[in-house]
Amino acid sequence: MSKKFLTEVIVKSAEMPALAANKLAGDIIAAIKAEIVSSGRFSIPDFGSFSVRETPKRTALNPATGEKVQVKAGATVKFKASPALKEAALGGVKKAKRKAAKA
């Protein structure tokens, strides 16, 4: 999903000018980022939740040279899909397989 996609959905749904919809999409993304930064978690019902997960310091291998490299500890954002989203995605996969089998 991109900001452009969100803008298009807002324009179609709210019949809003594209410029205003683009600003709204940017504000929504900024609000989600702010919530993740402040609380470490953001959830959308029937879609899923985003949470911050800390990554430990580790040793990795440089694939080009094979030498060991130290990787600093950090953080990443993890997404967990809701059961409703998983069910919808599974239905889409099954539908695609049925369609491919008919062709």
PDB file of N, CA and C in Angstrom:
ATOM      1  N   MET A   1       0.855  -1.164   0.000  1.00  0.00           N
ATOM      2  CA  MET A   1       0.000   0.000   0.000  1.00  0.00           C
ATOM      3  C   MET A   1       0.904   1.230   0.000  1.00  0.00           C
ATOM      4  N   SER A   2       0.508   2.205  -0.765  1.00  0.00           N
ATOM      5  CA  SER A   2       1.296   3.420  -0.860  1.00  0.00           C
ATOM      6  C   SER A   2       0.430   4.628  -0.518  1.00  0.00           C
ATOM      7  N   LYS A   3       1.088   5.755  -0.355  1.00  0.00           N
ATOM      8  CA  LYS A   3       0.358   6.999  -0.092  1.00  0.00           C
ATOM      9  C   LYS A   3      -0.540   7.332  -1.284  1.00  0.00           C
ATOM     10  N   LYS A   4      -0.058   7.052  -2.477  1.00  0.00           N
ATOM     11  CA  LYS A   4      -0.850   7.300  -3.678  1.00  0.00           C
ATOM     12  C   LYS A   4      -2.121   6.448  -3.665  1.00  0.00           C
ATOM     13  N   PHE A   5      -1.999   5.192  -3.277  1.00  0.00           N
ATOM     14  CA  PHE A   5      -3.156   4.302  -3.195  1.00  0.00           C
ATOM     15  C   PHE A   5      -4.164   4.835  -2.183  1.00  0.00           C
ATOM     16  N   LEU A   6      -3.670   5.239  -0.995  1.00  0.00           N
ATOM     17  CA  LEU A   6      -4.562   5.807   0.019  1.00  0.00           C
ATOM     18  C   LEU A   6      -5.268   7.054  -0.500  1.00  0.00           C
ATOM     19  N   THR A   7      -4.538   7.890  -1.197  1.00  0.00           N
ATOM     20  CA  THR A   7      -5.115   9.116  -1.757  1.00  0.00           C
ATOM     21  C   THR A   7      -6.238   8.776  -2.731  1.00  0.00           C
ATOM     22  N   GLU A   8      -6.008   7.799  -3.603  1.00  0.00           N
ATOM     23  CA  GLU A   8      -7.033   7.404  -4.573  1.00  0.00           C
ATOM     24  C   GLU A   8      -8.281   6.863  -3.893  1.00  0.00           C
ATOM     25  N   VAL A   9      -8.099   6.066  -2.847  1.00  0.00           N
ATOM     26  CA  VAL A   9      -9.240   5.519  -2.118  1.00  0.00           C
ATOM     27  C   VAL A   9     -10.032   6.641  -1.452  1.00  0.00           C
ATOM     28  N   ILE A  10      -9.340   7.595  -0.849  1.00  0.00           N
ATOM     29  CA  ILE A  10     -10.013   8.726  -0.190  1.00  0.00           C
ATOM     30  C   ILE A  10     -10.768   9.569  -1.210  1.00  0.00           C
ATOM     31  N   VAL A  11     -10.168   9.819  -2.369  1.00  0.00           N
ATOM     32  CA  VAL A  11     -10.824  10.615  -3.412  1.00  0.00           C
ATOM     33  C   VAL A  11     -12.115   9.932  -3.864  1.00  0.00           C
ATOM     34  N   LYS A  12     -12.052   8.621  -4.100  1.00  0.00           N
ATOM     35  CA  LYS A  12     -13.234   7.879  -4.551  1.00  0.00           C
ATOM     36  C   LYS A  12     -14.296   7.791  -3.457  1.00  0.00           C
ATOM     37  N   SER A  13     -13.871   7.534  -2.230  1.00  0.00           N
ATOM     38  CA  SER A  13     -14.810   7.321  -1.132  1.00  0.00           C
ATOM     39  C   SER A  13     -15.465   8.607  -0.656  1.00  0.00           C
ATOM     40  N   ALA A  14     -14.675   9.654  -0.480  1.00  0.00           N
ATOM     41  CA  ALA A  14     -15.191  10.894   0.100  1.00  0.00           C
ATOM     42  C   ALA A  14     -15.484  11.961  -0.941  1.00  0.00           C
ATOM     43  N   GLU A  15     -15.210  11.650  -2.218  1.00  0.00           N
ATOM     44  CA  GLU A  15     -15.398  12.639  -3.280  1.00  0.00           C
ATOM     45  C   GLU A  15     -14.732  13.963  -2.907  1.00  0.00           C
ATOM     46  N   MET A  16     -13.488  13.833  -2.507  1.00  0.00           N
ATOM     47  CA  MET A  16     -12.685  14.954  -2.032  1.00  0.00           C
ATOM     48  C   MET A  16     -11.685  15.321  -3.123  1.00  0.00           C
ATOM     49  N   PRO A  17     -11.299  16.581  -3.227  1.00  0.00           N
ATOM     50  CA  PRO A  17     -10.256  16.937  -4.196  1.00  0.00           C
ATOM     51  C   PRO A  17      -8.958  16.171  -3.905  1.00  0.00           C
ATOM     52  N   ALA A  18      -8.233  15.858  -4.968  1.00  0.00           N
ATOM     53  CA  ALA A  18      -7.030  15.038  -4.833  1.00  0.00           C
ATOM     54  C   ALA A  18      -5.995  15.676  -3.920  1.00  0.00           C
ATOM     55  N   LEU A  19      -5.854  16.984  -3.975  1.00  0.00           N
ATOM     56  CA  LEU A  19      -4.865  17.668  -3.135  1.00  0.00           C
ATOM     57  C   LEU A  19      -5.202  17.500  -1.652  1.00  0.00           C
ATOM     58  N   ALA A  20      -6.476  17.666  -1.300  1.00  0.00           N
ATOM     59  CA  ALA A  20      -6.899  17.499   0.091  1.00  0.00           C
ATOM     60  C   ALA A  20      -6.778  16.041   0.524  1.00  0.00           C
ATOM     61  N   ALA A  21      -7.106  15.119  -0.368  1.00  0.00           N
ATOM     62  CA  ALA A  21      -7.002  13.691  -0.045  1.00  0.00           C
ATOM     63  C   ALA A  21      -5.543  13.297   0.178  1.00  0.00           C
ATOM     64  N   ASN A  22      -4.638  13.860  -0.608  1.00  0.00           N
ATOM     65  CA  ASN A  22      -3.208  13.581  -0.437  1.00  0.00           C
ATOM     66  C   ASN A  22      -2.725  14.071   0.922  1.00  0.00           C
ATOM     67  N   LYS A  23      -3.168  15.256   1.330  1.00  0.00           N
ATOM     68  CA  LYS A  23      -2.799  15.788   2.646  1.00  0.00           C
ATOM     69  C   LYS A  23      -3.364  14.909   3.752  1.00  0.00           C
ATOM     70  N   LEU A  24      -4.624  14.466   3.596  1.00  0.00           N
ATOM     71  CA  LEU A  24      -5.248  13.594   4.590  1.00  0.00           C
ATOM     72  C   LEU A  24      -4.498  12.269   4.702  1.00  0.00           C
ATOM     73  N   ALA A  25      -4.127  11.683   3.568  1.00  0.00           N
ATOM     74  CA  ALA A  25      -3.363  10.431   3.590  1.00  0.00           C
ATOM     75  C   ALA A  25      -2.036  10.620   4.320  1.00  0.00           C
ATOM     76  N   GLY A  26      -1.359  11.734   4.069  1.00  0.00           N
ATOM     77  CA  GLY A  26      -0.105  12.028   4.767  1.00  0.00           C
ATOM     78  C   GLY A  26      -0.306  12.210   6.256  1.00  0.00           C
ATOM     79  N   ASP A  27      -1.406  12.871   6.640  1.00  0.00           N
ATOM     80  CA  ASP A  27      -1.712  13.062   8.058  1.00  0.00           C
ATOM     81  C   ASP A  27      -2.015  11.734   8.752  1.00  0.00           C
ATOM     82  N   ILE A  28      -2.710  10.827   8.049  1.00  0.00           N
ATOM     83  CA  ILE A  28      -3.015   9.512   8.619  1.00  0.00           C
ATOM     84  C   ILE A  28      -1.723   8.741   8.860  1.00  0.00           C
ATOM     85  N   ILE A  29      -0.833   8.746   7.879  1.00  0.00           N
ATOM     86  CA  ILE A  29       0.449   8.046   8.016  1.00  0.00           C
ATOM     87  C   ILE A  29       1.267   8.641   9.153  1.00  0.00           C
ATOM     88  N   ALA A  30       1.289   9.962   9.260  1.00  0.00           N
ATOM     89  CA  ALA A  30       2.029  10.626  10.340  1.00  0.00           C
ATOM     90  C   ALA A  30       1.446  10.277  11.703  1.00  0.00           C
ATOM     91  N   ALA A  31       0.112  10.195  11.796  1.00  0.00           N
ATOM     92  CA  ALA A  31      -0.530   9.846  13.071  1.00  0.00           C
ATOM     93  C   ALA A  31      -0.188   8.412  13.480  1.00  0.00           C
ATOM     94  N   ILE A  32      -0.154   7.508  12.516  1.00  0.00           N
ATOM     95  CA  ILE A  32       0.209   6.113  12.812  1.00  0.00           C
ATOM     96  C   ILE A  32       1.656   6.047  13.302  1.00  0.00           C
ATOM     97  N   LYS A  33       2.563   6.749  12.612  1.00  0.00           N
ATOM     98  CA  LYS A  33       3.972   6.778  13.041  1.00  0.00           C
ATOM     99  C   LYS A  33       4.101   7.336  14.452  1.00  0.00           C
ATOM    100  N   ALA A  34       3.395   8.433  14.728  1.00  0.00           N
ATOM    101  CA  ALA A  34       3.479   9.059  16.050  1.00  0.00           C
ATOM    102  C   ALA A  34       2.990   8.104  17.139  1.00  0.00           C
ATOM    103  N   GLU A  35       1.920   7.378  16.867  1.00  0.00           N
ATOM    104  CA  GLU A  35       1.387   6.437  17.858  1.00  0.00           C
ATOM    105  C   GLU A  35       2.361   5.292  18.104  1.00  0.00           C
ATOM    106  N   ILE A  36       2.992   4.788  17.047  1.00  0.00           N
ATOM    107  CA  ILE A  36       3.975   3.711  17.208  1.00  0.00           C
ATOM    108  C   ILE A  36       5.171   4.205  18.013  1.00  0.00           C
ATOM    109  N   VAL A  37       5.617   5.433  17.752  1.00  0.00           N
ATOM    110  CA  VAL A  37       6.757   5.987  18.477  1.00  0.00           C
ATOM    111  C   VAL A  37       6.409   6.198  19.944  1.00  0.00           C
ATOM    112  N   SER A  38       5.217   6.730  20.233  1.00  0.00           N
ATOM    113  CA  SER A  38       4.869   7.059  21.619  1.00  0.00           C
ATOM    114  C   SER A  38       4.500   5.837  22.448  1.00  0.00           C
ATOM    115  N   SER A  39       3.736   4.896  21.877  1.00  0.00           N
ATOM    116  CA  SER A  39       3.284   3.763  22.692  1.00  0.00           C
ATOM    117  C   SER A  39       3.941   2.439  22.310  1.00  0.00           C
ATOM    118  N   GLY A  40       4.601   2.390  21.152  1.00  0.00           N
ATOM    119  CA  GLY A  40       5.234   1.149  20.732  1.00  0.00           C
ATOM    120  C   GLY A  40       4.268   0.183  20.082  1.00  0.00           C
ATOM    121  N   ARG A  41       3.022   0.609  19.839  1.00  0.00           N
ATOM    122  CA  ARG A  41       2.008  -0.292  19.284  1.00  0.00           C
ATOM    123  C   ARG A  41       0.927   0.516  18.578  1.00  0.00           C
ATOM    124  N   PHE A  42       0.387  -0.036  17.490  1.00  0.00           N
ATOM    125  CA  PHE A  42      -0.745   0.565  16.793  1.00  0.00           C
ATOM    126  C   PHE A  42      -1.589  -0.563  16.227  1.00  0.00           C
ATOM    127  N   SER A  43      -2.893  -0.496  16.445  1.00  0.00           N
ATOM    128  CA  SER A  43      -3.780  -1.567  16.033  1.00  0.00           C
ATOM    129  C   SER A  43      -4.943  -1.018  15.220  1.00  0.00           C
ATOM    130  N   ILE A  44      -5.291  -1.725  14.151  1.00  0.00           N
ATOM    131  CA  ILE A  44      -6.470  -1.423  13.354  1.00  0.00           C
ATOM    132  C   ILE A  44      -7.369  -2.652  13.421  1.00  0.00           C
ATOM    133  N   PRO A  45      -8.563  -2.521  14.004  1.00  0.00           N
ATOM    134  CA  PRO A  45      -9.462  -3.677  14.118  1.00  0.00           C
ATOM    135  C   PRO A  45      -9.750  -4.302  12.746  1.00  0.00           C
ATOM    136  N   ASP A  46      -9.846  -5.609  12.705  1.00  0.00           N
ATOM    137  CA  ASP A  46     -10.095  -6.400  11.499  1.00  0.00           C
ATOM    138  C   ASP A  46      -8.992  -6.279  10.458  1.00  0.00           C
ATOM    139  N   PHE A  47      -7.867  -5.666  10.806  1.00  0.00           N
ATOM    140  CA  PHE A  47      -6.727  -5.576   9.885  1.00  0.00           C
ATOM    141  C   PHE A  47      -5.496  -6.187  10.538  1.00  0.00           C
ATOM    142  N   GLY A  48      -5.073  -5.634  11.677  1.00  0.00           N
ATOM    143  CA  GLY A  48      -3.908  -6.167  12.357  1.00  0.00           C
ATOM    144  C   GLY A  48      -3.271  -5.139  13.259  1.00  0.00           C
ATOM    145  N   SER A  49      -2.120  -5.494  13.804  1.00  0.00           N
ATOM    146  CA  SER A  49      -1.444  -4.573  14.711  1.00  0.00           C
ATOM    147  C   SER A  49       0.047  -4.491  14.376  1.00  0.00           C
ATOM    148  N   PHE A  50       0.594  -3.311  14.617  1.00  0.00           N
ATOM    149  CA  PHE A  50       2.007  -3.037  14.437  1.00  0.00           C
ATOM    150  C   PHE A  50       2.606  -2.870  15.821  1.00  0.00           C
ATOM    151  N   SER A  51       3.768  -3.480  16.053  1.00  0.00           N
ATOM    152  CA  SER A  51       4.420  -3.309  17.343  1.00  0.00           C
ATOM    153  C   SER A  51       5.931  -3.206  17.133  1.00  0.00           C
ATOM    154  N   VAL A  52       6.574  -2.470  18.036  1.00  0.00           N
ATOM    155  CA  VAL A  52       8.023  -2.290  17.962  1.00  0.00           C
ATOM    156  C   VAL A  52       8.683  -3.480  18.648  1.00  0.00           C
ATOM    157  N   ARG A  53       9.681  -4.044  17.972  1.00  0.00           N
ATOM    158  CA  ARG A  53      10.413  -5.176  18.524  1.00  0.00           C
ATOM    159  C   ARG A  53      11.888  -4.827  18.489  1.00  0.00           C
ATOM    160  N   GLU A  54      12.542  -4.999  19.620  1.00  0.00           N
ATOM    161  CA  GLU A  54      13.978  -4.718  19.692  1.00  0.00           C
ATOM    162  C   GLU A  54      14.757  -5.901  19.144  1.00  0.00           C
ATOM    163  N   THR A  55      15.825  -5.594  18.393  1.00  0.00           N
ATOM    164  CA  THR A  55      16.684  -6.639  17.851  1.00  0.00           C
ATOM    165  C   THR A  55      18.012  -6.615  18.600  1.00  0.00           C
ATOM    166  N   PRO A  56      18.502  -7.775  18.993  1.00  0.00           N
ATOM    167  CA  PRO A  56      19.740  -7.821  19.775  1.00  0.00           C
ATOM    168  C   PRO A  56      20.981  -7.609  18.910  1.00  0.00           C
ATOM    169  N   LYS A  57      22.084  -7.299  19.576  1.00  0.00           N
ATOM    170  CA  LYS A  57      23.388  -7.195  18.914  1.00  0.00           C
ATOM    171  C   LYS A  57      23.759  -8.602  18.462  1.00  0.00           C
ATOM    172  N   ARG A  58      24.331  -8.716  17.243  1.00  0.00           N
ATOM    173  CA  ARG A  58      24.660 -10.046  16.738  1.00  0.00           C
ATOM    174  C   ARG A  58      25.839  -9.979  15.779  1.00  0.00           C
ATOM    175  N   THR A  59      26.320 -11.150  15.409  1.00  0.00           N
ATOM    176  CA  THR A  59      27.389 -11.270  14.437  1.00  0.00           C
ATOM    177  C   THR A  59      26.794 -11.855  13.161  1.00  0.00           C
ATOM    178  N   ALA A  60      27.083 -11.249  12.020  1.00  0.00           N
ATOM    179  CA  ALA A  60      26.590 -11.727  10.733  1.00  0.00           C
ATOM    180  C   ALA A  60      27.774 -11.953   9.799  1.00  0.00           C
ATOM    181  N   LEU A  61      27.502 -12.577   8.666  1.00  0.00           N
ATOM    182  CA  LEU A  61      28.541 -12.813   7.671  1.00  0.00           C
ATOM    183  C   LEU A  61      28.303 -11.922   6.464  1.00  0.00           C
ATOM    184  N   ASN A  62      29.385 -11.296   5.992  1.00  0.00           N
ATOM    185  CA  ASN A  62      29.317 -10.522   4.757  1.00  0.00           C
ATOM    186  C   ASN A  62      29.296 -11.527   3.614  1.00  0.00           C
ATOM    187  N   PRO A  63      28.215 -11.564   2.808  1.00  0.00           N
ATOM    188  CA  PRO A  63      28.129 -12.585   1.763  1.00  0.00           C
ATOM    189  C   PRO A  63      29.185 -12.427   0.671  1.00  0.00           C
ATOM    190  N   ALA A  64      29.673 -11.228   0.448  1.00  0.00           N
ATOM    191  CA  ALA A  64      30.667 -11.013  -0.606  1.00  0.00           C
ATOM    192  C   ALA A  64      32.048 -11.508  -0.200  1.00  0.00           C
ATOM    193  N   THR A  65      32.438 -11.244   1.049  1.00  0.00           N
ATOM    194  CA  THR A  65      33.791 -11.597   1.486  1.00  0.00           C
ATOM    195  C   THR A  65      33.830 -12.780   2.449  1.00  0.00           C
ATOM    196  N   GLY A  66      32.702 -13.085   3.076  1.00  0.00           N
ATOM    197  CA  GLY A  66      32.661 -14.179   4.038  1.00  0.00           C
ATOM    198  C   GLY A  66      33.183 -13.797   5.413  1.00  0.00           C
ATOM    199  N   GLU A  67      33.565 -12.535   5.610  1.00  0.00           N
ATOM    200  CA  GLU A  67      34.086 -12.123   6.910  1.00  0.00           C
ATOM    201  C   GLU A  67      32.941 -11.845   7.888  1.00  0.00           C
ATOM    202  N   LYS A  68      33.237 -12.008   9.168  1.00  0.00           N
ATOM    203  CA  LYS A  68      32.241 -11.759  10.206  1.00  0.00           C
ATOM    204  C   LYS A  68      32.151 -10.266  10.472  1.00  0.00           C
ATOM    205  N   VAL A  69      30.908  -9.783  10.646  1.00  0.00           N
ATOM    206  CA  VAL A  69      30.649  -8.362  10.857  1.00  0.00           C
ATOM    207  C   VAL A  69      29.736  -8.228  12.068  1.00  0.00           C
ATOM    208  N   GLN A  70      30.047  -7.253  12.929  1.00  0.00           N
ATOM    209  CA  GLN A  70      29.200  -6.990  14.089  1.00  0.00           C
ATOM    210  C   GLN A  70      28.015  -6.111  13.664  1.00  0.00           C
ATOM    211  N   VAL A  71      26.809  -6.527  14.055  1.00  0.00           N
ATOM    212  CA  VAL A  71      25.603  -5.758  13.756  1.00  0.00           C
ATOM    213  C   VAL A  71      25.093  -5.188  15.069  1.00  0.00           C
ATOM    214  N   LYS A  72      24.856  -3.868  15.093  1.00  0.00           N
ATOM    215  CA  LYS A  72      24.407  -3.207  16.316  1.00  0.00           C
ATOM    216  C   LYS A  72      22.978  -3.628  16.673  1.00  0.00           C
ATOM    217  N   ALA A  73      22.661  -3.494  17.961  1.00  0.00           N
ATOM    218  CA  ALA A  73      21.293  -3.707  18.409  1.00  0.00           C
ATOM    219  C   ALA A  73      20.429  -2.587  17.837  1.00  0.00           C
ATOM    220  N   GLY A  74      19.174  -2.872  17.607  1.00  0.00           N
ATOM    221  CA  GLY A  74      18.290  -1.862  17.042  1.00  0.00           C
ATOM    222  C   GLY A  74      16.838  -2.199  17.327  1.00  0.00           C
ATOM    223  N   ALA A  75      15.977  -1.704  16.497  1.00  0.00           N
ATOM    224  CA  ALA A  75      14.551  -1.970  16.643  1.00  0.00           C
ATOM    225  C   ALA A  75      13.927  -2.073  15.263  1.00  0.00           C
ATOM    226  N   THR A  76      12.847  -2.817  15.180  1.00  0.00           N
ATOM    227  CA  THR A  76      12.098  -2.962  13.945  1.00  0.00           C
ATOM    228  C   THR A  76      10.614  -2.971  14.273  1.00  0.00           C
ATOM    229  N   VAL A  77       9.789  -2.760  13.281  1.00  0.00           N
ATOM    230  CA  VAL A  77       8.344  -2.789  13.475  1.00  0.00           C
ATOM    231  C   VAL A  77       7.827  -4.113  12.936  1.00  0.00           C
ATOM    232  N   LYS A  78       7.074  -4.812  13.768  1.00  0.00           N
ATOM    233  CA  LYS A  78       6.528  -6.114  13.422  1.00  0.00           C
ATOM    234  C   LYS A  78       5.033  -5.952  13.166  1.00  0.00           C
ATOM    235  N   PHE A  79       4.507  -6.638  12.151  1.00  0.00           N
ATOM    236  CA  PHE A  79       3.081  -6.608  11.852  1.00  0.00           C
ATOM    237  C   PHE A  79       2.492  -7.977  12.105  1.00  0.00           C
ATOM    238  N   LYS A  80       1.346  -8.005  12.794  1.00  0.00           N
ATOM    239  CA  LYS A  80       0.630  -9.249  13.027  1.00  0.00           C
ATOM    240  C   LYS A  80      -0.768  -9.081  12.464  1.00  0.00           C
ATOM    241  N   ALA A  81      -1.099  -9.888  11.477  1.00  0.00           N
ATOM    242  CA  ALA A  81      -2.406  -9.800  10.825  1.00  0.00           C
ATOM    243  C   ALA A  81      -3.506 -10.314  11.743  1.00  0.00           C
ATOM    244  N   SER A  82      -4.681  -9.694  11.643  1.00  0.00           N
ATOM    245  CA  SER A  82      -5.830 -10.136  12.442  1.00  0.00           C
ATOM    246  C   SER A  82      -6.393 -11.421  11.827  1.00  0.00           C
ATOM    247  N   PRO A  83      -7.153 -12.189  12.601  1.00  0.00           N
ATOM    248  CA  PRO A  83      -7.776 -13.400  12.048  1.00  0.00           C
ATOM    249  C   PRO A  83      -8.670 -13.091  10.838  1.00  0.00           C
ATOM    250  N   ALA A  84      -9.370 -11.966  10.858  1.00  0.00           N
ATOM    251  CA  ALA A  84     -10.236 -11.603   9.733  1.00  0.00           C
ATOM    252  C   ALA A  84      -9.414 -11.365   8.463  1.00  0.00           C
ATOM    253  N   LEU A  85      -8.267 -10.711   8.587  1.00  0.00           N
ATOM    254  CA  LEU A  85      -7.405 -10.462   7.429  1.00  0.00           C
ATOM    255  C   LEU A  85      -6.813 -11.766   6.917  1.00  0.00           C
ATOM    256  N   LYS A  86      -6.392 -12.635   7.822  1.00  0.00           N
ATOM    257  CA  LYS A  86      -5.846 -13.932   7.415  1.00  0.00           C
ATOM    258  C   LYS A  86      -6.887 -14.745   6.652  1.00  0.00           C
ATOM    259  N   GLU A  87      -8.113 -14.739   7.148  1.00  0.00           N
ATOM    260  CA  GLU A  87      -9.190 -15.481   6.497  1.00  0.00           C
ATOM    261  C   GLU A  87      -9.478 -14.919   5.103  1.00  0.00           C
ATOM    262  N   ALA A  88      -9.509 -13.595   4.984  1.00  0.00           N
ATOM    263  CA  ALA A  88      -9.754 -12.956   3.690  1.00  0.00           C
ATOM    264  C   ALA A  88      -8.623 -13.270   2.711  1.00  0.00           C
ATOM    265  N   ALA A  89      -7.386 -13.236   3.182  1.00  0.00           N
ATOM    266  CA  ALA A  89      -6.240 -13.531   2.321  1.00  0.00           C
ATOM    267  C   ALA A  89      -6.265 -14.980   1.874  1.00  0.00           C
ATOM    268  N   LEU A  90      -6.615 -15.886   2.768  1.00  0.00           N
ATOM    269  CA  LEU A  90      -6.688 -17.306   2.430  1.00  0.00           C
ATOM    270  C   LEU A  90      -7.784 -17.527   1.392  1.00  0.00           C
ATOM    271  N   GLY A  91      -8.907 -16.835   1.542  1.00  0.00           N
ATOM    272  CA  GLY A  91      -9.978 -16.944   0.559  1.00  0.00           C
ATOM    273  C   GLY A  91      -9.527 -16.474  -0.807  1.00  0.00           C
ATOM    274  N   GLY A  92      -8.740 -15.398  -0.858  1.00  0.00           N
ATOM    275  CA  GLY A  92      -8.212 -14.894  -2.121  1.00  0.00           C
ATOM    276  C   GLY A  92      -7.252 -15.869  -2.767  1.00  0.00           C
ATOM    277  N   VAL A  93      -6.421 -16.525  -1.968  1.00  0.00           N
ATOM    278  CA  VAL A  93      -5.465 -17.501  -2.492  1.00  0.00           C
ATOM    279  C   VAL A  93      -6.221 -18.706  -3.052  1.00  0.00           C
ATOM    280  N   LYS A  94      -7.216 -19.173  -2.323  1.00  0.00           N
ATOM    281  CA  LYS A  94      -7.999 -20.320  -2.790  1.00  0.00           C
ATOM    282  C   LYS A  94      -8.714 -19.987  -4.092  1.00  0.00           C
ATOM    283  N   LYS A  95      -9.264 -18.773  -4.192  1.00  0.00           N
ATOM    284  CA  LYS A  95      -9.968 -18.346  -5.389  1.00  0.00           C
ATOM    285  C   LYS A  95      -9.009 -18.305  -6.577  1.00  0.00           C
ATOM    286  N   ALA A  96      -7.806 -17.792  -6.369  1.00  0.00           N
ATOM    287  CA  ALA A  96      -6.810 -17.724  -7.433  1.00  0.00           C
ATOM    288  C   ALA A  96      -6.407 -19.124  -7.894  1.00  0.00           C
ATOM    289  N   LYS A  97      -6.271 -20.054  -6.961  1.00  0.00           N
ATOM    290  CA  LYS A  97      -5.910 -21.432  -7.323  1.00  0.00           C
ATOM    291  C   LYS A  97      -7.020 -22.081  -8.137  1.00  0.00           C
ATOM    292  N   ARG A  98      -8.278 -21.843  -7.736  1.00  0.00           N
ATOM    293  CA  ARG A  98      -9.414 -22.410  -8.488  1.00  0.00           C
ATOM    294  C   ARG A  98      -9.447 -21.840  -9.898  1.00  0.00           C
ATOM    295  N   LYS A  99      -9.197 -20.538 -10.016  1.00  0.00           N
ATOM    296  CA  LYS A  99      -9.212 -19.875 -11.311  1.00  0.00           C
ATOM    297  C   LYS A  99      -8.082 -20.408 -12.195  1.00  0.00           C
ATOM    298  N   ALA A 100      -6.912 -20.635 -11.617  1.00  0.00           N
ATOM    299  CA  ALA A 100      -5.772 -21.151 -12.369  1.00  0.00           C
ATOM    300  C   ALA A 100      -6.029 -22.599 -12.806  1.00  0.00           C
ATOM    301  N   ALA A 101      -6.710 -23.379 -11.975  1.00  0.00           N
ATOM    302  CA  ALA A 101      -6.993 -24.774 -12.303  1.00  0.00           C
ATOM    303  C   ALA A 101      -7.962 -24.873 -13.478  1.00  0.00           C
ATOM    304  N   LYS A 102      -8.877 -23.913 -13.588  1.00  0.00           N
ATOM    305  CA  LYS A 102      -9.843 -23.920 -14.691  1.00  0.00           C
ATOM    306  C   LYS A 102      -9.190 -23.559 -16.001  1.00  0.00           C
ATOM    307  N   ALA A 103      -8.150 -22.761 -15.961  1.00  0.00           N
ATOM    308  CA  ALA A 103      -7.504 -22.278 -17.206  1.00  0.00           C
ATOM    309  C   ALA A 103      -6.614 -23.304 -17.854  1.00  0.00           C
TER     310      ALA A 103
END
